[in-house]
Structures are given as structure tokens and as C-alpha cells.
């Protein structure tokens, strides 16, 4: 990818590192949301549906994209 003004500073490695770090950050956030959800459920006996919704959204998007990419590849 060649960007006219900042092409000297940003190359394919930068974009690949950004993509990987964003993916790992999303996975980590979904796992933390699930851990907090199960802590609230099992220890405090309170259901926090907003935390479950965050984790469920991640799972639906991740599995949908995996299916889409596997069908298109």
C-alpha cells in the first residue's frame, strides 16, 4: 500500500501489526467481559446481561466473519 504523504513512515508491516494488535485486544476484552459476567453470576449471584451481551456480540461477529472468509476464500 502506497500512501502519498505518509508512505515513507507507514508500510505493510505497520498495518499488519495494527490488525493483529486490534484482534488480540478485542479477544482480550471479550474474555474479560465473560470473566466478570461469570464472577457476578457465580460469586455474587447477580446476572449482568450487559456483560454477557458484549461477549456474545464478539462471538457472533467472530464466528460470522470466520464463516464468511472460509466461504469466500
Protein backbone atom coordinates (compact mmCIF):
# COMPACT_ATOMS: atom_id res chain seq x y z
CA UNK A 1 0.00 0.00 0.00
CA UNK A 2 1.43 3.34 -1.01
CA UNK A 3 0.07 6.42 0.71
CA UNK A 4 1.46 9.58 -0.92
CA UNK A 5 2.26 11.76 2.10
CA UNK A 6 2.97 9.30 4.90
CA UNK A 7 4.01 6.36 2.70
CA UNK A 8 7.59 6.67 3.92
CA UNK A 9 6.54 6.16 7.54
CA UNK A 10 3.71 3.62 7.23
CA UNK A 11 4.24 0.38 5.36
CA UNK A 12 2.56 -3.04 5.24
CA UNK A 13 4.21 -4.11 8.48
CA UNK A 14 2.60 -1.22 10.35
CA UNK A 15 -0.87 -2.14 9.07
CA UNK A 16 -0.34 -5.84 9.80
CA UNK A 17 0.80 -5.06 13.36
CA UNK A 18 -2.19 -2.79 13.83
CA UNK A 19 -4.56 -5.51 12.58
CA UNK A 20 -3.04 -8.15 14.86
CA UNK A 21 -2.99 -5.95 17.94
CA UNK A 22 -6.61 -4.91 17.38
CA UNK A 23 -7.64 -8.55 17.05
CA UNK A 24 -5.87 -9.56 20.26
CA UNK A 25 -7.32 -6.57 22.11
CA UNK A 26 -10.84 -7.50 21.02
CA UNK A 27 -10.40 -11.09 22.13
CA UNK A 28 -8.99 -9.98 25.49
CA UNK A 29 -11.90 -7.59 26.08
CA UNK A 30 -14.45 -10.30 25.31
CA UNK A 31 -12.70 -12.71 27.69
CA UNK A 32 -12.64 -10.12 30.47
CA UNK A 33 -16.35 -9.42 29.92
CA UNK A 34 -17.07 -13.15 30.22
CA UNK A 35 -14.93 -13.50 33.33
CA UNK A 36 -16.68 -10.59 35.03
CA UNK A 37 -20.08 -11.97 33.94
CA UNK A 38 -19.36 -15.39 35.44
CA UNK A 39 -17.85 -13.86 38.59
CA UNK A 40 -21.01 -11.81 39.12
CA UNK A 41 -23.17 -14.85 38.38
CA UNK A 42 -21.35 -17.47 40.46
CA UNK A 43 -19.98 -15.45 43.39
CA UNK A 44 -22.45 -12.58 43.82
CA UNK A 45 -25.48 -14.34 42.27
CA UNK A 46 -26.29 -11.34 40.07
CA UNK A 47 -26.90 -11.58 36.34
CA UNK A 48 -25.31 -8.73 34.38
CA UNK A 49 -26.76 -9.08 30.90
CA UNK A 50 -24.77 -6.16 29.53
CA UNK A 51 -21.51 -8.06 30.09
CA UNK A 52 -22.99 -11.15 28.50
CA UNK A 53 -24.12 -9.07 25.52
CA UNK A 54 -20.58 -7.78 24.96
CA UNK A 55 -19.13 -11.29 24.93
CA UNK A 56 -21.98 -12.68 22.82
CA UNK A 57 -21.56 -9.89 20.27
CA UNK A 58 -17.87 -10.71 19.98
CA UNK A 59 -18.62 -14.41 19.48
CA UNK A 60 -21.30 -13.78 16.85
CA UNK A 61 -19.13 -11.35 14.88
CA UNK A 62 -16.03 -13.57 15.11
CA UNK A 63 -17.84 -16.75 14.01
CA UNK A 64 -19.72 -14.91 11.26
CA UNK A 65 -16.54 -13.47 9.82
CA UNK A 66 -14.74 -16.81 10.06
CA UNK A 67 -17.59 -18.44 8.11
CA UNK A 68 -17.67 -15.60 5.57
CA UNK A 69 -13.93 -15.74 4.96
CA UNK A 70 -13.89 -19.53 4.67
CA UNK A 71 -16.71 -19.44 2.08
CA UNK A 72 -15.10 -16.63 0.07
CA UNK A 73 -11.55 -18.00 0.10
